[in-house]
Amino acid sequence: MSDRLQPGSPEEAGFDPEQIERIKGRCAGWVEAGRTDSLAVLAARRGTVVLDEAYGRDGYEDDAVSLSTDAVFMSASIAKPVTATLIMMLVEDGRLGLNHPVQRYIPELRGERKDQICVHHLLTHTSGWWVGEYPLPEPPPLDELPPRDPRVDPELYRRLCWFYELDLVKKPGEQMIYENFNFAVLGEIARQARRN
């Protein structure tokens, strides 16, 4: 069996084609009814992709384009179990250490007490970071930031650079403060660790 996903029919993957059509209709209906602005869905089994579709628009603006299947957007909390699993796989492989300082993987992280933030602090939301109230302020434009790896989404890069600059509200390890960006930073650490 190939380790790559290939498009195919529901029958090839052992799915009921009627149920796949039902899923498509339900997804489109949720967007049409305003239950969600957009969503992307992929169903695969045994290496065969039977559903890969996007619904809605890529943004909140009136003139936003239709969402594409290759759109990049924040998946927030649903990404946390996947990110945590990847981090632990990298730890198991010896490519990452839970007690290693975050600066080991992200050297541009500077500021008071930031040298004390370890990977495990990000996993347990005890880094001391907290964004505060939402909506978030606009991060700096790309042309004001250091060059980025072209494989990193530009919007994510802008937001990470902005987040790195935030002061800590607590000393690392002092208090659990739920902060989504802890896991965005873990994602970047995983990317760096996988490259090395």
N, C-alpha and C. Protein backbone atom coordinates (compact mmCIF):
# COMPACT_ATOMS: atom_id res chain seq x y z
N MET A 1 0.84 -1.18 0.00
CA MET A 1 0.00 0.00 0.00
C MET A 1 0.88 1.24 0.00
N SER A 2 0.52 2.24 -0.77
CA SER A 2 1.27 3.48 -0.87
C SER A 2 1.12 4.27 0.42
N ASP A 3 2.18 5.04 0.78
CA ASP A 3 2.07 5.90 1.96
C ASP A 3 1.52 7.27 1.59
N ARG A 4 1.09 7.42 0.36
CA ARG A 4 0.51 8.67 -0.10
C ARG A 4 -0.98 8.50 -0.33
N LEU A 5 -1.71 9.57 -0.06
CA LEU A 5 -3.15 9.57 -0.32
C LEU A 5 -3.40 9.72 -1.82
N GLN A 6 -4.35 8.96 -2.33
CA GLN A 6 -4.72 9.01 -3.73
C GLN A 6 -6.24 9.19 -3.82
N PRO A 7 -6.71 9.98 -4.80
CA PRO A 7 -8.17 10.09 -4.96
C PRO A 7 -8.75 8.77 -5.46
N GLY A 8 -9.99 8.50 -5.04
CA GLY A 8 -10.65 7.28 -5.48
C GLY A 8 -12.12 7.33 -5.14
N SER A 9 -12.78 6.26 -5.43
CA SER A 9 -14.23 6.19 -5.19
C SER A 9 -14.51 5.75 -3.76
N PRO A 10 -15.69 6.09 -3.24
CA PRO A 10 -16.06 5.61 -1.91
C PRO A 10 -16.00 4.08 -1.81
N GLU A 11 -16.41 3.41 -2.87
CA GLU A 11 -16.40 1.95 -2.85
C GLU A 11 -14.99 1.39 -2.67
N GLU A 12 -14.01 2.01 -3.34
CA GLU A 12 -12.61 1.55 -3.22
C GLU A 12 -12.12 1.62 -1.78
N ALA A 13 -12.62 2.62 -1.03
CA ALA A 13 -12.18 2.81 0.35
C ALA A 13 -13.09 2.14 1.36
N GLY A 14 -14.14 1.49 0.87
CA GLY A 14 -15.06 0.82 1.79
C GLY A 14 -16.11 1.73 2.40
N PHE A 15 -16.41 2.86 1.72
CA PHE A 15 -17.44 3.77 2.18
C PHE A 15 -18.72 3.56 1.39
N ASP A 16 -19.83 3.91 1.98
CA ASP A 16 -21.12 3.92 1.31
C ASP A 16 -21.21 5.23 0.52
N PRO A 17 -21.32 5.18 -0.82
CA PRO A 17 -21.37 6.41 -1.62
C PRO A 17 -22.53 7.33 -1.23
N GLU A 18 -23.65 6.75 -0.83
CA GLU A 18 -24.80 7.57 -0.43
C GLU A 18 -24.47 8.39 0.81
N GLN A 19 -23.73 7.80 1.72
CA GLN A 19 -23.36 8.52 2.95
C GLN A 19 -22.39 9.67 2.64
N ILE A 20 -21.48 9.45 1.69
CA ILE A 20 -20.56 10.53 1.30
C ILE A 20 -21.35 11.68 0.69
N GLU A 21 -22.32 11.38 -0.15
CA GLU A 21 -23.18 12.43 -0.73
C GLU A 21 -23.98 13.13 0.36
N ARG A 22 -24.41 12.38 1.34
CA ARG A 22 -25.16 12.97 2.47
C ARG A 22 -24.28 13.97 3.24
N ILE A 23 -23.02 13.60 3.44
CA ILE A 23 -22.07 14.50 4.12
C ILE A 23 -21.90 15.79 3.32
N LYS A 24 -21.73 15.65 2.01
CA LYS A 24 -21.57 16.84 1.15
C LYS A 24 -22.78 17.76 1.29
N GLY A 25 -23.97 17.18 1.22
CA GLY A 25 -25.19 17.98 1.34
C GLY A 25 -25.31 18.66 2.69
N ARG A 26 -24.94 17.94 3.73
CA ARG A 26 -25.01 18.50 5.08
C ARG A 26 -24.03 19.67 5.23
N CYS A 27 -22.81 19.52 4.72
CA CYS A 27 -21.80 20.59 4.81
C CYS A 27 -22.28 21.83 4.06
N ALA A 28 -22.74 21.64 2.83
CA ALA A 28 -23.24 22.78 2.05
C ALA A 28 -24.42 23.43 2.76
N GLY A 29 -25.29 22.62 3.35
CA GLY A 29 -26.46 23.15 4.07
C GLY A 29 -26.08 23.98 5.28
N TRP A 30 -25.06 23.56 6.02
CA TRP A 30 -24.62 24.33 7.18
C TRP A 30 -24.16 25.72 6.77
N VAL A 31 -23.42 25.81 5.67
CA VAL A 31 -22.95 27.11 5.19
C VAL A 31 -24.14 27.95 4.71
N GLU A 32 -25.00 27.35 3.91
CA GLU A 32 -26.17 28.08 3.40
C GLU A 32 -27.06 28.59 4.52
N ALA A 33 -27.21 27.81 5.59
CA ALA A 33 -28.07 28.21 6.70
C ALA A 33 -27.39 29.18 7.66
N GLY A 34 -26.10 29.46 7.43
CA GLY A 34 -25.37 30.39 8.30
C GLY A 34 -24.90 29.78 9.60
N ARG A 35 -24.91 28.44 9.72
CA ARG A 35 -24.42 27.80 10.94
C ARG A 35 -22.91 27.90 11.07
N THR A 36 -22.25 28.03 9.92
CA THR A 36 -20.80 28.27 9.88
C THR A 36 -20.52 29.08 8.63
N ASP A 37 -19.48 29.91 8.70
CA ASP A 37 -19.13 30.72 7.53
C ASP A 37 -18.45 29.90 6.44
N SER A 38 -17.65 28.93 6.87
CA SER A 38 -16.92 28.11 5.91
C SER A 38 -16.43 26.86 6.61
N LEU A 39 -16.14 25.86 5.82
CA LEU A 39 -15.53 24.65 6.35
C LEU A 39 -14.90 23.86 5.22
N ALA A 40 -13.89 23.10 5.59
CA ALA A 40 -13.23 22.19 4.65
C ALA A 40 -13.33 20.80 5.23
N VAL A 41 -13.57 19.81 4.38
CA VAL A 41 -13.75 18.45 4.87
C VAL A 41 -12.98 17.49 3.96
N LEU A 42 -12.31 16.54 4.60
CA LEU A 42 -11.58 15.51 3.86
C LEU A 42 -11.90 14.17 4.52
N ALA A 43 -12.28 13.20 3.71
CA ALA A 43 -12.50 11.84 4.21
C ALA A 43 -11.63 10.89 3.40
N ALA A 44 -10.89 10.05 4.10
CA ALA A 44 -10.00 9.10 3.45
C ALA A 44 -9.95 7.83 4.28
N ARG A 45 -9.70 6.74 3.60
CA ARG A 45 -9.55 5.46 4.28
C ARG A 45 -8.66 4.58 3.41
N ARG A 46 -7.75 3.86 4.07
CA ARG A 46 -6.84 2.96 3.36
C ARG A 46 -6.08 3.68 2.24
N GLY A 47 -5.73 4.93 2.47
CA GLY A 47 -4.95 5.70 1.50
C GLY A 47 -5.75 6.29 0.36
N THR A 48 -7.07 6.12 0.37
CA THR A 48 -7.91 6.61 -0.72
C THR A 48 -8.77 7.78 -0.23
N VAL A 49 -8.62 8.92 -0.89
CA VAL A 49 -9.42 10.11 -0.56
C VAL A 49 -10.73 10.02 -1.34
N VAL A 50 -11.82 10.05 -0.59
CA VAL A 50 -13.14 9.96 -1.24
C VAL A 50 -13.91 11.28 -1.16
N LEU A 51 -13.43 12.19 -0.34
CA LEU A 51 -14.09 13.49 -0.20
C LEU A 51 -13.03 14.52 0.17
N ASP A 52 -12.94 15.57 -0.62
CA ASP A 52 -11.99 16.67 -0.37
C ASP A 52 -12.64 17.92 -0.94
N GLU A 53 -13.43 18.61 -0.11
CA GLU A 53 -14.20 19.75 -0.60
C GLU A 53 -14.17 20.89 0.41
N ALA A 54 -14.38 22.08 -0.10
CA ALA A 54 -14.45 23.29 0.73
C ALA A 54 -15.77 23.99 0.46
N TYR A 55 -16.30 24.60 1.49
CA TYR A 55 -17.60 25.28 1.41
C TYR A 55 -17.48 26.66 2.05
N GLY A 56 -18.17 27.63 1.50
CA GLY A 56 -18.16 28.97 2.06
C GLY A 56 -17.10 29.85 1.43
N ARG A 57 -16.75 30.93 2.17
CA ARG A 57 -15.80 31.92 1.66
C ARG A 57 -14.54 31.95 2.50
N ASP A 58 -13.46 32.39 1.87
CA ASP A 58 -12.15 32.48 2.52
C ASP A 58 -11.99 33.88 3.12
N GLY A 59 -12.76 34.17 4.14
CA GLY A 59 -12.70 35.48 4.81
C GLY A 59 -14.09 35.99 5.10
N TYR A 60 -14.13 37.05 5.89
CA TYR A 60 -15.41 37.63 6.30
C TYR A 60 -15.87 38.78 5.41
N GLU A 61 -14.98 39.25 4.56
CA GLU A 61 -15.30 40.39 3.72
C GLU A 61 -16.37 40.02 2.70
N ASP A 62 -17.16 41.01 2.29
CA ASP A 62 -18.21 40.76 1.30
C ASP A 62 -17.65 40.24 -0.02
N ASP A 63 -16.44 40.68 -0.37
CA ASP A 63 -15.86 40.27 -1.65
C ASP A 63 -14.88 39.10 -1.51
N ALA A 64 -14.92 38.39 -0.37
CA ALA A 64 -14.02 37.26 -0.16
C ALA A 64 -14.27 36.17 -1.19
N VAL A 65 -13.19 35.55 -1.64
CA VAL A 65 -13.30 34.49 -2.65
C VAL A 65 -13.81 33.21 -1.98
N SER A 66 -14.26 32.29 -2.80
CA SER A 66 -14.71 31.00 -2.29
C SER A 66 -13.54 30.27 -1.64
N LEU A 67 -13.84 29.56 -0.57
CA LEU A 67 -12.82 28.79 0.12
C LEU A 67 -12.34 27.67 -0.79
N SER A 68 -11.03 27.47 -0.85
CA SER A 68 -10.47 26.39 -1.66
C SER A 68 -9.96 25.29 -0.74
N THR A 69 -9.77 24.12 -1.28
CA THR A 69 -9.31 22.99 -0.46
C THR A 69 -7.87 23.15 0.01
N ASP A 70 -7.12 24.07 -0.59
CA ASP A 70 -5.75 24.29 -0.13
C ASP A 70 -5.61 25.56 0.70
N ALA A 71 -6.75 26.13 1.14
CA ALA A 71 -6.72 27.33 1.99
C ALA A 71 -6.04 27.01 3.33
N VAL A 72 -5.37 28.00 3.88
CA VAL A 72 -4.73 27.85 5.18
C VAL A 72 -5.46 28.78 6.14
N PHE A 73 -5.92 28.22 7.25
CA PHE A 73 -6.59 29.03 8.25
C PHE A 73 -6.37 28.42 9.62
N MET A 74 -6.54 29.23 10.64
CA MET A 74 -6.34 28.77 12.01
C MET A 74 -7.41 27.73 12.34
N SER A 75 -6.98 26.58 12.78
CA SER A 75 -7.94 25.56 13.17
C SER A 75 -8.14 25.52 14.68
N ALA A 76 -7.39 26.34 15.40
CA ALA A 76 -7.53 26.54 16.85
C ALA A 76 -7.55 25.23 17.62
N SER A 77 -8.51 25.07 18.51
CA SER A 77 -8.45 23.99 19.49
C SER A 77 -8.43 22.59 18.90
N ILE A 78 -9.05 22.38 17.77
CA ILE A 78 -9.08 21.05 17.18
C ILE A 78 -7.68 20.59 16.78
N ALA A 79 -6.77 21.53 16.58
CA ALA A 79 -5.40 21.17 16.20
C ALA A 79 -4.55 20.78 17.41
N LYS A 80 -4.99 21.09 18.60
CA LYS A 80 -4.17 20.84 19.78
C LYS A 80 -3.84 19.36 19.99
N PRO A 81 -4.80 18.43 19.89
CA PRO A 81 -4.41 17.02 20.08
C PRO A 81 -3.44 16.52 19.01
N VAL A 82 -3.59 17.02 17.79
CA VAL A 82 -2.69 16.61 16.71
C VAL A 82 -1.30 17.18 16.97
N THR A 83 -1.24 18.45 17.35
CA THR A 83 0.05 19.09 17.62
C THR A 83 0.74 18.43 18.81
N ALA A 84 -0.01 18.17 19.87
CA ALA A 84 0.58 17.53 21.05
C ALA A 84 1.11 16.14 20.71
N THR A 85 0.38 15.40 19.88
CA THR A 85 0.82 14.07 19.46
C THR A 85 2.12 14.18 18.65
N LEU A 86 2.17 15.13 17.73
CA LEU A 86 3.38 15.32 16.93
C LEU A 86 4.57 15.67 17.83
N ILE A 87 4.35 16.57 18.78
CA ILE A 87 5.43 16.95 19.70
C ILE A 87 5.95 15.72 20.44
N MET A 88 5.03 14.89 20.95
CA MET A 88 5.46 13.72 21.71
C MET A 88 6.15 12.68 20.81
N MET A 89 5.74 12.60 19.55
CA MET A 89 6.44 11.71 18.61
C MET A 89 7.87 12.19 18.39
N LEU A 90 8.05 13.51 18.29
CA LEU A 90 9.39 14.07 18.12
C LEU A 90 10.23 13.86 19.38
N VAL A 91 9.60 13.94 20.56
CA VAL A 91 10.31 13.65 21.81
C VAL A 91 10.74 12.19 21.81
N GLU A 92 9.82 11.31 21.45
CA GLU A 92 10.11 9.87 21.41
C GLU A 92 11.26 9.55 20.45
N ASP A 93 11.32 10.29 19.33
CA ASP A 93 12.38 10.09 18.34
C ASP A 93 13.69 10.76 18.74
N GLY A 94 13.70 11.49 19.85
CA GLY A 94 14.91 12.16 20.30
C GLY A 94 15.23 13.45 19.56
N ARG A 95 14.27 13.99 18.84
CA ARG A 95 14.50 15.22 18.07
C ARG A 95 14.07 16.47 18.81
N LEU A 96 13.46 16.29 19.97
CA LEU A 96 12.90 17.40 20.73
C LEU A 96 12.92 17.01 22.19
N GLY A 97 13.13 17.98 23.07
CA GLY A 97 13.12 17.71 24.50
C GLY A 97 12.07 18.55 25.22
N LEU A 98 11.27 17.93 26.06
CA LEU A 98 10.23 18.67 26.78
C LEU A 98 10.82 19.72 27.71
N ASN A 99 12.00 19.45 28.25
CA ASN A 99 12.64 20.41 29.17
C ASN A 99 13.61 21.36 28.47
N HIS A 100 13.67 21.28 27.15
CA HIS A 100 14.53 22.20 26.41
C HIS A 100 13.86 23.57 26.34
N PRO A 101 14.68 24.63 26.42
CA PRO A 101 14.11 25.97 26.26
C PRO A 101 13.57 26.18 24.84
N VAL A 102 12.50 26.90 24.74
CA VAL A 102 11.90 27.20 23.44
C VAL A 102 12.90 27.93 22.56
N GLN A 103 13.77 28.76 23.15
CA GLN A 103 14.76 29.51 22.37
C GLN A 103 15.70 28.59 21.61
N ARG A 104 15.84 27.36 22.04
CA ARG A 104 16.69 26.39 21.32
C ARG A 104 16.15 26.17 19.90
N TYR A 105 14.84 26.24 19.75
CA TYR A 105 14.19 26.01 18.46
C TYR A 105 13.78 27.30 17.77
N ILE A 106 13.53 28.33 18.57
CA ILE A 106 13.12 29.63 18.02
C ILE A 106 14.05 30.69 18.63
N PRO A 107 15.26 30.85 18.07
CA PRO A 107 16.25 31.75 18.67
C PRO A 107 15.84 33.21 18.65
N GLU A 108 14.92 33.59 17.75
CA GLU A 108 14.50 34.99 17.71
C GLU A 108 13.60 35.39 18.88
N LEU A 109 13.22 34.43 19.70
CA LEU A 109 12.40 34.70 20.87
C LEU A 109 13.27 35.36 21.93
N ARG A 110 13.01 36.62 22.20
CA ARG A 110 13.81 37.40 23.15
C ARG A 110 12.89 38.14 24.10
N GLY A 111 13.40 38.48 25.26
CA GLY A 111 12.65 39.28 26.21
C GLY A 111 12.75 38.70 27.61
N GLU A 112 12.30 39.48 28.57
CA GLU A 112 12.39 39.11 29.97
C GLU A 112 11.71 37.78 30.25
N ARG A 113 12.44 36.86 30.85
CA ARG A 113 12.00 35.53 31.27
C ARG A 113 11.66 34.57 30.13
N LYS A 114 11.75 35.02 28.88
CA LYS A 114 11.41 34.12 27.77
C LYS A 114 12.43 33.00 27.62
N ASP A 115 13.65 33.20 28.13
CA ASP A 115 14.65 32.14 28.10
C ASP A 115 14.28 31.01 29.06
N GLN A 116 13.30 31.25 29.95
CA GLN A 116 12.87 30.24 30.91
C GLN A 116 11.71 29.37 30.39
N ILE A 117 11.14 29.74 29.26
CA ILE A 117 10.01 28.97 28.71
C ILE A 117 10.55 27.69 28.08
N CYS A 118 10.05 26.56 28.55
CA CYS A 118 10.42 25.25 27.99
C CYS A 118 9.26 24.71 27.17
N VAL A 119 9.54 23.70 26.38
CA VAL A 119 8.52 23.10 25.52
C VAL A 119 7.33 22.63 26.36
N HIS A 120 7.59 22.02 27.51
CA HIS A 120 6.48 21.52 28.34
C HIS A 120 5.59 22.65 28.84
N HIS A 121 6.13 23.86 28.99
CA HIS A 121 5.28 24.99 29.40
C HIS A 121 4.24 25.31 28.33
N LEU A 122 4.63 25.21 27.07
CA LEU A 122 3.68 25.45 25.99
C LEU A 122 2.59 24.40 25.98
N LEU A 123 2.98 23.14 26.16
CA LEU A 123 2.00 22.04 26.16
C LEU A 123 0.99 22.16 27.30
N THR A 124 1.42 22.69 28.41
CA THR A 124 0.55 22.75 29.60
C THR A 124 -0.02 24.15 29.85
N HIS A 125 0.16 25.04 28.89
CA HIS A 125 -0.34 26.43 29.00
C HIS A 125 0.19 27.12 30.26
N THR A 126 1.45 26.84 30.60
CA THR A 126 2.09 27.49 31.74
C THR A 126 3.28 28.33 31.31
N SER A 127 3.27 28.78 30.06
CA SER A 127 4.38 29.57 29.51
C SER A 127 4.45 30.96 30.12
N GLY A 128 3.33 31.45 30.62
CA GLY A 128 3.28 32.82 31.12
C GLY A 128 2.76 33.81 30.09
N TRP A 129 2.54 33.34 28.86
CA TRP A 129 1.98 34.20 27.82
C TRP A 129 0.46 34.26 27.93
N TRP A 130 -0.07 35.41 27.61
CA TRP A 130 -1.51 35.54 27.46
C TRP A 130 -1.75 36.71 26.52
N VAL A 131 -2.51 36.45 25.48
CA VAL A 131 -2.79 37.50 24.49
C VAL A 131 -3.68 38.57 25.08
N GLY A 132 -4.64 38.17 25.88
CA GLY A 132 -5.59 39.14 26.42
C GLY A 132 -6.90 39.08 25.66
N GLU A 133 -7.48 40.21 25.47
CA GLU A 133 -8.80 40.27 24.86
C GLU A 133 -8.72 40.11 23.35
N TYR A 134 -9.75 39.50 22.79
CA TYR A 134 -9.90 39.37 21.35
C TYR A 134 -10.89 40.42 20.89
N PRO A 135 -10.89 40.90 19.66
CA PRO A 135 -10.04 40.47 18.56
C PRO A 135 -8.60 40.95 18.73
N LEU A 136 -7.71 40.24 18.06
CA LEU A 136 -6.29 40.55 18.16
C LEU A 136 -5.95 41.80 17.38
N PRO A 137 -4.96 42.55 17.84
CA PRO A 137 -4.49 43.68 17.03
C PRO A 137 -3.84 43.17 15.75
N GLU A 138 -3.78 44.03 14.77
CA GLU A 138 -3.19 43.67 13.48
C GLU A 138 -1.68 43.49 13.64
N PRO A 139 -1.13 42.34 13.23
CA PRO A 139 0.32 42.15 13.31
C PRO A 139 1.03 43.02 12.27
N PRO A 140 2.35 43.19 12.41
CA PRO A 140 3.08 44.04 11.47
C PRO A 140 3.05 43.48 10.05
N PRO A 141 3.19 44.36 9.04
CA PRO A 141 3.24 43.88 7.66
C PRO A 141 4.48 43.03 7.41
N LEU A 142 4.39 42.13 6.45
CA LEU A 142 5.50 41.22 6.15
C LEU A 142 6.77 41.95 5.80
N ASP A 143 6.67 43.09 5.10
CA ASP A 143 7.89 43.79 4.69
C ASP A 143 8.62 44.43 5.86
N GLU A 144 8.02 44.44 7.06
CA GLU A 144 8.70 44.96 8.25
C GLU A 144 9.30 43.85 9.10
N LEU A 145 9.16 42.61 8.65
CA LEU A 145 9.64 41.46 9.42
C LEU A 145 10.85 40.84 8.75
N PRO A 146 11.63 40.06 9.51
CA PRO A 146 12.75 39.34 8.89
C PRO A 146 12.22 38.38 7.82
N PRO A 147 13.05 38.02 6.85
CA PRO A 147 12.60 37.09 5.80
C PRO A 147 12.09 35.80 6.42
N ARG A 148 11.04 35.23 5.83
CA ARG A 148 10.45 33.99 6.34
C ARG A 148 10.78 32.84 5.41
N ASP A 149 10.72 31.65 5.96
CA ASP A 149 10.82 30.43 5.17
C ASP A 149 9.59 30.41 4.26
N PRO A 150 9.76 30.28 2.95
CA PRO A 150 8.61 30.33 2.04
C PRO A 150 7.58 29.23 2.27
N ARG A 151 7.95 28.18 3.02
CA ARG A 151 7.00 27.11 3.31
C ARG A 151 6.06 27.47 4.46
N VAL A 152 6.32 28.59 5.15
CA VAL A 152 5.48 29.01 6.26
C VAL A 152 4.44 29.98 5.74
N ASP A 153 3.18 29.74 6.09
CA ASP A 153 2.10 30.62 5.67
C ASP A 153 2.40 32.05 6.12
N PRO A 154 2.28 33.05 5.22
CA PRO A 154 2.63 34.43 5.59
C PRO A 154 1.80 34.99 6.75
N GLU A 155 0.52 34.67 6.79
CA GLU A 155 -0.32 35.20 7.88
C GLU A 155 0.06 34.57 9.21
N LEU A 156 0.33 33.28 9.22
CA LEU A 156 0.77 32.63 10.45
C LEU A 156 2.11 33.21 10.89
N TYR A 157 3.01 33.43 9.95
CA TYR A 157 4.32 34.00 10.28
C TYR A 157 4.16 35.38 10.91
N ARG A 158 3.30 36.22 10.34
CA ARG A 158 3.07 37.56 10.90
C ARG A 158 2.56 37.46 12.33
N ARG A 159 1.61 36.57 12.55
CA ARG A 159 1.02 36.45 13.90
C ARG A 159 2.02 35.87 14.90
N LEU A 160 2.82 34.91 14.47
CA LEU A 160 3.84 34.37 15.37
C LEU A 160 4.86 35.44 15.74
N CYS A 161 5.32 36.20 14.75
CA CYS A 161 6.29 37.28 15.05
C CYS A 161 5.70 38.27 16.05
N TRP A 162 4.43 38.59 15.87
CA TRP A 162 3.75 39.50 16.80
C TRP A 162 3.68 38.88 18.19
N PHE A 163 3.34 37.59 18.25
CA PHE A 163 3.20 36.90 19.53
C PHE A 163 4.54 36.82 20.26
N TYR A 164 5.63 36.56 19.53
CA TYR A 164 6.95 36.46 20.16
C TYR A 164 7.31 37.73 20.91
N GLU A 165 6.79 38.87 20.46
CA GLU A 165 7.13 40.15 21.07
C GLU A 165 6.34 40.45 22.34
N LEU A 166 5.24 39.73 22.57
CA LEU A 166 4.41 40.02 23.74
C LEU A 166 5.16 39.73 25.03
N ASP A 167 4.97 40.61 26.02
CA ASP A 167 5.54 40.37 27.34
C ASP A 167 4.79 39.23 28.02
N LEU A 168 5.49 38.51 28.88
CA LEU A 168 4.84 37.47 29.67
C LEU A 168 4.05 38.13 30.80
N VAL A 169 2.90 37.57 31.12
CA VAL A 169 2.10 38.11 32.23
C VAL A 169 2.40 37.36 33.53
N LYS A 170 3.01 36.18 33.41
CA LYS A 170 3.40 35.38 34.57
C LYS A 170 4.76 34.76 34.29
N LYS A 171 5.43 34.38 35.35
CA LYS A 171 6.68 33.64 35.21
C LYS A 171 6.37 32.25 34.67
N PRO A 172 7.19 31.72 33.74
CA PRO A 172 6.94 30.38 33.21
C PRO A 172 6.82 29.35 34.34
N GLY A 173 5.78 28.53 34.26
CA GLY A 173 5.53 27.50 35.26
C GLY A 173 4.72 27.95 36.45
N GLU A 174 4.45 29.24 36.54
CA GLU A 174 3.78 29.77 37.73
C GLU A 174 2.26 29.53 37.72
N GLN A 175 1.63 29.65 36.56
CA GLN A 175 0.18 29.54 36.50
C GLN A 175 -0.26 29.01 35.14
N MET A 176 -1.32 28.22 35.15
CA MET A 176 -1.90 27.73 33.90
C MET A 176 -2.82 28.82 33.36
N ILE A 177 -2.51 29.30 32.15
CA ILE A 177 -3.34 30.30 31.46
C ILE A 177 -3.57 29.77 30.05
N TYR A 178 -4.81 29.41 29.74
CA TYR A 178 -5.12 28.84 28.43
C TYR A 178 -4.87 29.88 27.35
N GLU A 179 -3.95 29.56 26.43
CA GLU A 179 -3.58 30.49 25.37
C GLU A 179 -3.33 29.72 24.08
N ASN A 180 -4.18 29.95 23.08
CA ASN A 180 -4.07 29.24 21.81
C ASN A 180 -2.70 29.35 21.17
N PHE A 181 -2.06 30.51 21.30
CA PHE A 181 -0.78 30.71 20.61
C PHE A 181 0.32 29.80 21.16
N ASN A 182 0.17 29.28 22.38
CA ASN A 182 1.15 28.30 22.86
C ASN A 182 1.28 27.16 21.84
N PHE A 183 0.14 26.73 21.29
CA PHE A 183 0.17 25.61 20.35
C PHE A 183 0.59 26.05 18.96
N ALA A 184 0.38 27.30 18.60
CA ALA A 184 0.92 27.80 17.34
C ALA A 184 2.45 27.78 17.40
N VAL A 185 3.00 28.16 18.55
CA VAL A 185 4.45 28.12 18.73
C VAL A 185 4.95 26.67 18.71
N LEU A 186 4.20 25.76 19.33
CA LEU A 186 4.58 24.34 19.28
C LEU A 186 4.61 23.83 17.84
N GLY A 187 3.67 24.29 17.02
CA GLY A 187 3.66 23.91 15.61
C GLY A 187 4.93 24.35 14.92
N GLU A 188 5.37 25.57 15.22
CA GLU A 188 6.61 26.07 14.62
C GLU A 188 7.81 25.30 15.15
N ILE A 189 7.80 24.95 16.44
CA ILE A 189 8.89 24.15 17.01
C ILE A 189 8.95 22.79 16.32
N ALA A 190 7.79 22.18 16.10
CA ALA A 190 7.75 20.88 15.42
C ALA A 190 8.32 21.01 14.00
N ARG A 191 7.96 22.09 13.32
CA ARG A 191 8.49 22.30 11.97
C ARG A 191 10.00 22.41 11.99
N GLN A 192 10.53 23.17 12.95
CA GLN A 192 11.98 23.33 13.06
C GLN A 192 12.65 22.01 13.43
N ALA A 193 12.05 21.27 14.37
CA ALA A 193 12.66 20.02 14.83
C ALA A 193 12.65 18.97 13.73
N ARG A 194 11.63 18.95 12.90
CA ARG A 194 11.54 17.97 11.82
C ARG A 194 12.57 18.26 10.74
N ARG A 195 12.94 19.54 10.57
CA ARG A 195 13.94 19.92 9.55
C ARG A 195 15.33 19.47 9.96
N ASN A 196 15.59 19.41 11.25
CA ASN A 196 16.95 19.11 11.75
C ASN A 196 17.17 17.63 11.93
